[in-house]
Amino acid sequence: MKRVLAATAVTLLLLPVSAERAEAQSSGQEAVVTGRVTRHGEGAEGAKVYAYPSFEELLTGRPLAVSAGSDADGSYSLALPPGTWYLRAGKGQEEGPLEVGEMSSYHGSNPFNLPPKGELVIDFSLVEKSREPVTGAAEDPGTGTLTGRVTWQGTAVEGVLVRLYLDAESDFRGMGYAAAPPTGEDGTFRFDYLPESDYFLLARKRAGGGSAGPLGEGDLFGYYVENPVAVGNGKALEVEFEVVAKGREAPGADSRPRASGTTISGNITDVSGAAVPEAYAFAYEEPVMAHKKPAFISSPAGEDGRYVIFLSRGGTWYVGARSEYGDSPAKGEWYGRYDGSADHAVAVEEGRALEDVDIVVERILP
């Protein structure tokens, strides 16, 4: 069954303040999220930003916090307790499914880890629901078909990689359930013989042409405005899929919070001891370091191989490094895990800097 993404801000504002938020407010530990909500680069006045403690709650359309309507230039501000949050922006009807012409934005760097008293700049680019999906008959009565056209600012986009995901467990990183061939000149994509299910539809186009790794400024990203889409047996569903261009990198994007006092740092080298620049270091909450987004990611290592992972809290973290992220490690990629402990884990105290967590990486061979 299709789940509702929109939220009822009026109802939310009448709800009691959560215990977590009341405690954060009283202790002065709240983090502040600011930024702009735009449409085709122009400020979107009256848009609101919604915060959810989990993706499941985002799907219910019941946020725990909501900003006031954005200013004329699209500026907004929202105070939140420290922790992990999923954020989206919207403009239009605030209850029930989106109507044609209304807009929403799911941020591609979700979820965000907010440290106590942290300040995060997060911008949103709204996409419009341009038309209702069209349903017809599929060739195979035992499976379904999903087709569509990818657009950017009203124009079809070639070379977009469209993927399907069954859930948000991987935070929509990695291979997903299925991938369509890159879109052609007409921007179209197609998935045939799909089992009956709800699917999350996402799209990416990297200027460099790669299929993995973080998106850079100007790369295209799309989260279908009415995810998840329900595909039924014997049904062919056609959608219009708008993508947006990634803007400037904001501190905290892709799990990189603004500098905090709780850090892991060290050097990334190959087996000979030579620095491996541009590799990323990762901190996971669980021992399995694959097929899902890590809790925290460093910026690319410098020419000396030096990295720093900023954490929003202390605890036990499982640490590794690789030259890309998004899909499973590929042939020729640098990859390695911290070998200073048997399980690749380190313990970090709140407010402390743990240094000399050096990681040796090797090329993945065919």
Protein backbone atom coordinates (compact mmCIF):
# COMPACT_ATOMS: atom_id res chain seq x y z
CA MET A 1 0.00 0.00 0.00
CA LYS A 2 1.25 3.49 -0.82
CA ARG A 3 2.32 5.46 2.22
CA VAL A 4 1.89 9.20 2.64
CA LEU A 5 4.92 11.50 2.66
CA ALA A 6 3.23 14.83 3.29
CA ALA A 7 2.80 16.21 6.82
CA THR A 8 0.23 18.21 8.78
CA ALA A 9 2.12 21.12 10.29
CA VAL A 10 -0.93 22.56 12.09
CA THR A 11 -1.48 19.30 13.97
CA LEU A 12 2.22 19.04 14.76
CA LEU A 13 2.37 22.49 16.30
CA LEU A 14 -0.40 21.52 18.72
CA LEU A 15 1.38 18.37 19.91
CA PRO A 16 3.32 18.36 23.22
CA VAL A 17 7.07 18.82 22.95
CA SER A 18 8.80 15.42 23.00
CA ALA A 19 10.72 14.43 26.12
CA GLU A 20 13.96 14.32 24.12
CA ARG A 21 13.45 17.80 22.72
CA ALA A 22 12.40 19.23 26.10
CA GLU A 23 15.58 17.82 27.65
CA ALA A 24 17.73 19.19 24.83
CA GLN A 25 16.10 22.62 25.13
CA SER A 26 16.54 22.74 28.90
CA SER A 27 20.20 21.71 28.68
CA GLY A 28 20.99 24.06 25.80
CA GLN A 29 22.21 21.12 23.67
CA GLU A 30 19.95 21.64 20.65
CA ALA A 31 21.53 21.71 17.22
CA VAL A 32 20.49 24.32 14.66
CA VAL A 33 19.84 23.52 11.00
CA THR A 34 19.66 26.44 8.57
CA GLY A 35 19.74 26.87 4.82
CA ARG A 36 17.62 27.70 1.79
CA VAL A 37 14.77 25.98 0.00
CA THR A 38 14.87 26.74 -3.72
CA ARG A 39 13.08 25.91 -6.95
CA HIS A 40 15.25 26.09 -10.08
CA GLY A 41 17.77 28.13 -8.11
CA GLU A 42 15.28 30.74 -6.90
CA GLY A 43 14.16 31.07 -3.29
CA ALA A 44 10.91 29.25 -2.50
CA GLU A 45 8.95 31.41 -0.06
CA GLY A 46 6.65 29.63 2.38
CA ALA A 47 8.32 26.21 2.15
CA LYS A 48 8.74 24.20 5.35
CA VAL A 49 11.39 21.74 6.49
CA TYR A 50 10.29 18.58 8.30
CA ALA A 51 12.40 16.41 10.63
CA TYR A 52 11.88 12.71 11.40
CA PRO A 53 13.90 10.46 13.74
CA SER A 54 13.66 7.51 11.32
CA PHE A 55 12.85 6.83 7.68
CA GLU A 56 9.83 4.79 8.73
CA GLU A 57 8.38 7.83 10.47
CA LEU A 58 9.13 9.96 7.41
CA LEU A 59 6.90 7.62 5.43
CA THR A 60 4.05 8.11 7.88
CA GLY A 61 4.06 11.87 7.30
CA ARG A 62 4.25 12.65 11.03
CA PRO A 63 7.39 14.73 11.75
CA LEU A 64 8.62 15.46 15.26
CA ALA A 65 9.63 19.00 14.28
CA VAL A 66 8.81 21.44 11.51
CA SER A 67 10.22 24.83 10.59
CA ALA A 68 8.22 27.98 10.03
CA GLY A 69 7.60 28.88 6.39
CA SER A 70 10.75 30.01 4.60
CA ASP A 71 11.48 33.68 3.90
CA ALA A 72 11.24 35.35 0.51
CA ASP A 73 14.72 34.09 -0.42
CA GLY A 74 13.92 30.58 0.79
CA SER A 75 15.83 30.85 4.09
CA TYR A 76 14.70 28.69 7.02
CA SER A 77 15.89 27.68 10.48
CA LEU A 78 15.06 24.64 12.60
CA ALA A 79 16.34 23.64 16.06
CA LEU A 80 16.60 19.90 16.79
CA PRO A 81 17.89 17.65 19.58
CA PRO A 82 21.27 16.06 18.81
CA GLY A 83 21.06 12.70 17.08
CA THR A 84 20.16 11.18 13.73
CA TRP A 85 17.47 12.88 11.63
CA TYR A 86 15.86 12.48 8.22
CA LEU A 87 14.98 15.82 6.65
CA ARG A 88 12.75 16.86 3.79
CA ALA A 89 11.20 20.12 2.56
CA GLY A 90 7.81 20.74 1.06
CA LYS A 91 5.52 23.42 -0.31
CA GLY A 92 1.83 23.00 -0.92
CA GLN A 93 -0.81 20.78 0.62
CA GLU A 94 0.28 19.58 4.05
CA GLU A 95 -1.93 16.53 4.44
CA GLY A 96 -2.31 13.50 2.18
CA PRO A 97 -0.64 12.72 -1.14
CA LEU A 98 0.77 15.57 -3.20
CA GLU A 99 -1.50 17.20 -5.73
CA VAL A 100 -0.27 18.02 -9.23
CA GLY A 101 1.73 21.25 -9.03
CA GLU A 102 2.79 20.78 -5.40
CA MET A 103 6.44 20.30 -4.46
CA SER A 104 8.66 18.29 -2.15
CA SER A 105 12.37 17.57 -1.60
CA TYR A 106 14.03 14.57 0.03
CA HIS A 107 17.68 15.39 0.76
CA GLY A 108 20.13 12.98 -0.85
CA SER A 109 22.49 13.10 2.15
CA ASN A 110 19.91 11.72 4.60
CA PRO A 111 20.24 10.82 7.38
CA PHE A 112 22.05 13.67 9.12
CA ASN A 113 23.94 13.23 12.39
CA LEU A 114 23.57 16.36 14.52
CA PRO A 115 26.07 16.85 17.36
CA PRO A 116 25.10 18.77 20.52
CA LYS A 117 25.09 22.51 19.86
CA GLY A 118 26.00 21.75 16.27
CA GLU A 119 25.27 24.05 13.35
CA LEU A 120 24.46 22.54 9.99
CA VAL A 121 23.74 24.26 6.67
CA ILE A 122 21.39 22.13 4.56
CA ASP A 123 19.86 23.39 1.31
CA PHE A 124 16.89 21.80 -0.45
CA SER A 125 15.87 21.92 -4.13
CA LEU A 126 12.16 21.34 -4.62
CA VAL A 127 10.79 19.04 -7.31
CA GLU A 128 7.26 19.33 -8.61
CA LYS A 129 4.65 16.66 -9.09
CA SER A 130 3.98 17.46 -12.74
CA ARG A 131 1.35 14.82 -13.41
CA GLU A 132 -0.29 11.72 -12.00
CA PRO A 133 1.25 8.33 -12.82
CA VAL A 134 -0.36 6.55 -15.77
CA THR A 135 -1.36 2.89 -15.34
CA GLY A 136 -1.82 0.42 -18.18
CA ALA A 137 -1.49 -3.28 -18.86
CA ALA A 138 1.87 -5.07 -18.74
CA GLU A 139 2.85 -7.68 -21.30
CA ASP A 140 3.32 -10.31 -18.59
CA PRO A 141 0.25 -10.78 -16.34
CA GLY A 142 2.45 -12.30 -13.63
CA THR A 143 4.81 -9.32 -13.22
CA GLY A 144 4.77 -5.55 -13.52
CA THR A 145 6.50 -2.87 -15.60
CA LEU A 146 7.77 0.54 -14.47
CA THR A 147 8.73 3.16 -17.03
CA GLY A 148 9.30 6.89 -16.97
CA ARG A 149 11.07 9.96 -18.24
CA VAL A 150 13.77 11.84 -16.33
CA THR A 151 13.72 15.64 -16.65
CA TRP A 152 15.74 18.55 -15.33
CA GLN A 153 14.16 22.01 -15.49
CA GLY A 154 11.63 20.66 -17.96
CA THR A 155 14.14 19.06 -20.36
CA ALA A 156 14.78 15.33 -20.86
CA VAL A 157 18.17 14.19 -19.50
CA GLU A 158 20.44 11.62 -21.15
CA GLY A 159 22.82 9.34 -19.25
CA VAL A 160 20.95 9.17 -15.95
CA LEU A 161 21.34 6.00 -13.87
CA VAL A 162 17.95 5.01 -12.42
CA ARG A 163 17.81 2.41 -9.64
CA LEU A 164 15.12 0.66 -7.62
CA TYR A 165 15.38 -0.05 -3.90
CA LEU A 166 13.09 -2.20 -1.78
CA ASP A 167 13.72 -0.27 1.43
CA ALA A 168 15.91 2.42 2.97
CA GLU A 169 18.20 0.04 4.87
CA SER A 170 21.19 1.10 2.76
CA ASP A 171 20.12 4.78 2.85
CA PHE A 172 19.71 4.34 -0.93
CA ARG A 173 23.43 3.78 -1.50
CA GLY A 174 24.82 0.82 -3.35
CA MET A 175 23.42 -1.31 -6.15
CA GLY A 176 19.85 -1.54 -4.92
CA TYR A 177 17.36 -4.13 -6.17
CA ALA A 178 17.57 -3.31 -9.89
CA ALA A 179 19.23 -0.80 -12.22
CA ALA A 180 18.01 0.36 -15.62
CA PRO A 181 20.37 1.15 -18.51
CA PRO A 182 21.34 4.87 -18.64
CA THR A 183 18.59 7.03 -20.07
CA GLY A 184 18.75 7.91 -23.78
CA GLU A 185 18.29 11.28 -25.47
CA ASP A 186 14.58 11.19 -24.64
CA GLY A 187 15.33 10.67 -20.92
CA THR A 188 13.36 7.44 -20.68
CA PHE A 189 14.02 4.39 -18.53
CA ARG A 190 12.32 1.01 -18.19
CA PHE A 191 12.06 -1.88 -15.72
CA ASP A 192 10.33 -5.04 -16.92
CA TYR A 193 9.23 -8.21 -15.14
CA LEU A 194 9.12 -6.69 -11.67
CA PRO A 195 7.57 -8.74 -8.84
CA GLU A 196 4.55 -7.07 -7.27
CA SER A 197 5.89 -4.76 -4.58
CA ASP A 198 6.48 -1.18 -3.45
CA TYR A 199 9.70 0.30 -4.89
CA PHE A 200 11.77 3.39 -4.13
CA LEU A 201 12.86 5.10 -7.33
CA LEU A 202 16.13 7.10 -7.34
CA ALA A 203 18.28 8.62 -10.07
CA ARG A 204 21.84 9.96 -10.30
CA LYS A 205 24.01 11.43 -13.02
CA ARG A 206 27.65 12.21 -12.29
CA ALA A 207 29.38 14.68 -14.56
CA GLY A 208 32.39 12.37 -14.59
CA GLY A 209 30.27 9.46 -15.75
CA GLY A 210 30.97 7.12 -12.81
CA SER A 211 28.38 4.86 -11.21
CA ALA A 212 29.60 5.13 -7.61
CA GLY A 213 31.00 7.63 -5.15
CA PRO A 214 29.71 10.90 -3.70
CA LEU A 215 27.92 13.35 -5.94
CA GLY A 216 29.75 16.60 -6.67
CA GLU A 217 28.44 20.09 -7.23
CA GLY A 218 26.36 20.18 -10.40
CA ASP A 219 25.76 16.41 -10.53
CA LEU A 220 22.11 15.42 -10.81
CA PHE A 221 20.11 13.61 -8.12
CA GLY A 222 16.51 12.49 -7.98
CA TYR A 223 14.26 10.92 -5.35
CA TYR A 224 10.86 10.33 -6.92
CA VAL A 225 8.41 12.76 -5.37
CA GLU A 226 5.86 10.03 -4.58
CA ASN A 227 8.10 7.21 -3.36
CA PRO A 228 7.41 4.40 -2.83
CA VAL A 229 5.66 3.43 -6.07
CA ALA A 230 3.37 0.41 -6.06
CA VAL A 231 3.92 -1.98 -8.99
CA GLY A 232 1.26 -4.66 -9.40
CA ASN A 233 1.19 -7.89 -11.36
CA GLY A 234 -0.06 -7.34 -14.88
CA LYS A 235 0.24 -3.55 -14.49
CA ALA A 236 2.45 -1.09 -16.36
CA LEU A 237 3.14 2.14 -14.45
CA GLU A 238 4.54 5.24 -16.18
CA VAL A 239 5.89 8.20 -14.19
CA GLU A 240 7.47 11.61 -14.77
CA PHE A 241 10.69 11.85 -12.73
CA GLU A 242 12.29 15.24 -12.05
CA VAL A 243 15.89 15.51 -10.84
CA VAL A 244 17.81 18.45 -9.36
CA ALA A 245 21.42 19.62 -9.53
CA LYS A 246 23.47 19.23 -6.37
CA GLY A 247 24.47 22.60 -4.97
CA ARG A 248 27.48 23.65 -2.95
CA GLU A 249 28.82 21.19 -0.41
CA ALA A 250 27.47 21.96 3.04
CA PRO A 251 29.37 20.94 6.19
CA GLY A 252 27.70 17.79 7.45
CA ALA A 253 26.59 16.47 4.08
CA ASP A 254 27.19 12.77 3.44
CA SER A 255 27.57 12.08 7.18
CA ARG A 256 30.32 14.68 7.66
CA PRO A 257 29.21 16.87 10.61
CA ARG A 258 30.68 20.28 11.36
CA ALA A 259 33.95 20.01 13.27
CA SER A 260 33.39 18.59 16.75
CA GLY A 261 35.54 17.59 19.71
CA THR A 262 34.95 13.88 19.15
CA THR A 263 37.15 12.61 16.32
CA ILE A 264 39.05 9.68 14.85
CA SER A 265 42.13 10.52 12.80
CA GLY A 266 45.12 8.85 11.22
CA ASN A 267 46.76 8.05 7.91
CA ILE A 268 45.64 5.96 4.95
CA THR A 269 48.59 4.17 3.30
CA ASP A 270 49.30 1.23 1.02
CA VAL A 271 51.26 -1.83 2.18
CA SER A 272 54.57 -0.09 1.36
CA GLY A 273 53.67 2.82 3.62
CA ALA A 274 53.02 5.29 0.79
CA ALA A 275 50.17 7.76 1.35
CA VAL A 276 46.89 7.11 -0.52
CA PRO A 277 45.31 10.52 -1.14
CA GLU A 278 41.62 11.09 -1.94
CA ALA A 279 40.50 7.94 -0.10
CA TYR A 280 37.65 8.11 2.42
CA ALA A 281 37.73 6.80 5.97
CA PHE A 282 34.53 5.36 7.47
CA ALA A 283 33.07 4.74 10.91
CA TYR A 284 30.31 2.13 11.22
CA GLU A 285 28.16 1.32 14.22
CA GLU A 286 28.18 -2.39 13.35
CA PRO A 287 31.01 -4.83 12.48
CA VAL A 288 29.68 -5.47 8.97
CA MET A 289 31.18 -2.66 6.87
CA ALA A 290 29.44 -3.17 3.54
CA HIS A 291 26.22 -2.60 1.61
CA LYS A 292 24.99 0.27 3.76
CA LYS A 293 25.95 3.84 4.45
CA PRO A 294 28.42 4.29 7.33
CA ALA A 295 27.43 6.46 10.27
CA PHE A 296 30.27 8.91 9.56
CA ILE A 297 32.59 9.59 6.61
CA SER A 298 35.74 11.68 6.42
CA SER A 299 36.46 14.19 3.72
CA PRO A 300 38.88 12.82 1.08
CA ALA A 301 42.33 12.21 2.56
CA GLY A 302 44.99 14.79 1.75
CA GLU A 303 48.12 14.25 -0.31
CA ASP A 304 49.79 12.93 2.85
CA GLY A 305 46.99 10.38 3.35
CA ARG A 306 45.79 12.16 6.45
CA TYR A 307 42.08 11.86 7.37
CA VAL A 308 39.77 13.04 10.16
CA ILE A 309 36.34 11.61 10.94
CA PHE A 310 34.17 13.99 12.96
CA LEU A 311 31.71 12.16 15.23
CA SER A 312 28.59 13.47 16.90
CA ARG A 313 29.08 11.17 19.90
CA GLY A 314 31.50 8.79 21.56
CA GLY A 315 31.26 5.01 21.50
CA THR A 316 32.64 1.96 19.73
CA TRP A 317 33.19 2.43 16.01
CA TYR A 318 34.27 0.01 13.29
CA VAL A 319 36.73 1.76 10.99
CA GLY A 320 37.82 1.23 7.39
CA ALA A 321 38.81 3.11 4.25
CA ARG A 322 38.29 2.91 0.48
CA SER A 323 38.71 5.13 -2.56
CA GLU A 324 35.00 5.21 -3.42
CA TYR A 325 31.71 4.70 -1.68
CA GLY A 326 28.18 3.86 -2.73
CA ASP A 327 28.41 0.39 -4.26
CA SER A 328 30.36 -2.68 -3.14
CA PRO A 329 34.14 -2.25 -3.57
CA ALA A 330 35.07 -2.66 -7.25
CA LYS A 331 38.09 -4.12 -9.01
CA GLY A 332 41.08 -1.81 -8.85
CA GLU A 333 39.71 0.17 -5.90
CA TRP A 334 41.69 0.85 -2.73
CA TYR A 335 40.10 -0.90 0.27
CA GLY A 336 41.12 -1.78 3.81
CA ARG A 337 40.03 -1.97 7.44
CA TYR A 338 41.71 -0.84 10.63
CA ASP A 339 43.91 -3.68 11.87
CA GLY A 340 44.75 -2.37 15.31
CA SER A 341 42.09 -4.63 16.79
CA ALA A 342 40.74 -8.03 15.79
CA ASP A 343 37.28 -6.70 14.96
CA HIS A 344 38.56 -3.42 13.40
CA ALA A 345 36.94 -1.43 16.22
CA VAL A 346 38.07 1.57 18.24
CA ALA A 347 36.56 3.11 21.38
CA VAL A 348 36.22 6.90 21.43
CA GLU A 349 35.30 8.91 24.51
CA GLU A 350 32.84 11.76 24.14
CA GLY A 351 34.72 15.00 23.49
CA ARG A 352 38.07 13.26 22.89
CA ALA A 353 40.26 13.04 19.80
CA LEU A 354 41.49 9.51 19.05
CA GLU A 355 44.65 9.77 16.94
CA ASP A 356 46.96 7.40 15.05
CA VAL A 357 44.16 5.14 13.80
CA ASP A 358 46.14 4.25 10.69
CA ILE A 359 44.52 2.20 7.92
CA VAL A 360 46.39 0.13 5.32
CA VAL A 361 44.55 -0.31 2.02
CA GLU A 362 45.20 -2.59 -0.95
CA ARG A 363 43.95 -2.70 -4.52
CA ILE A 364 41.06 -5.10 -5.07
CA LEU A 365 42.25 -7.52 -7.72
CA PRO A 366 40.10 -9.28 -10.35
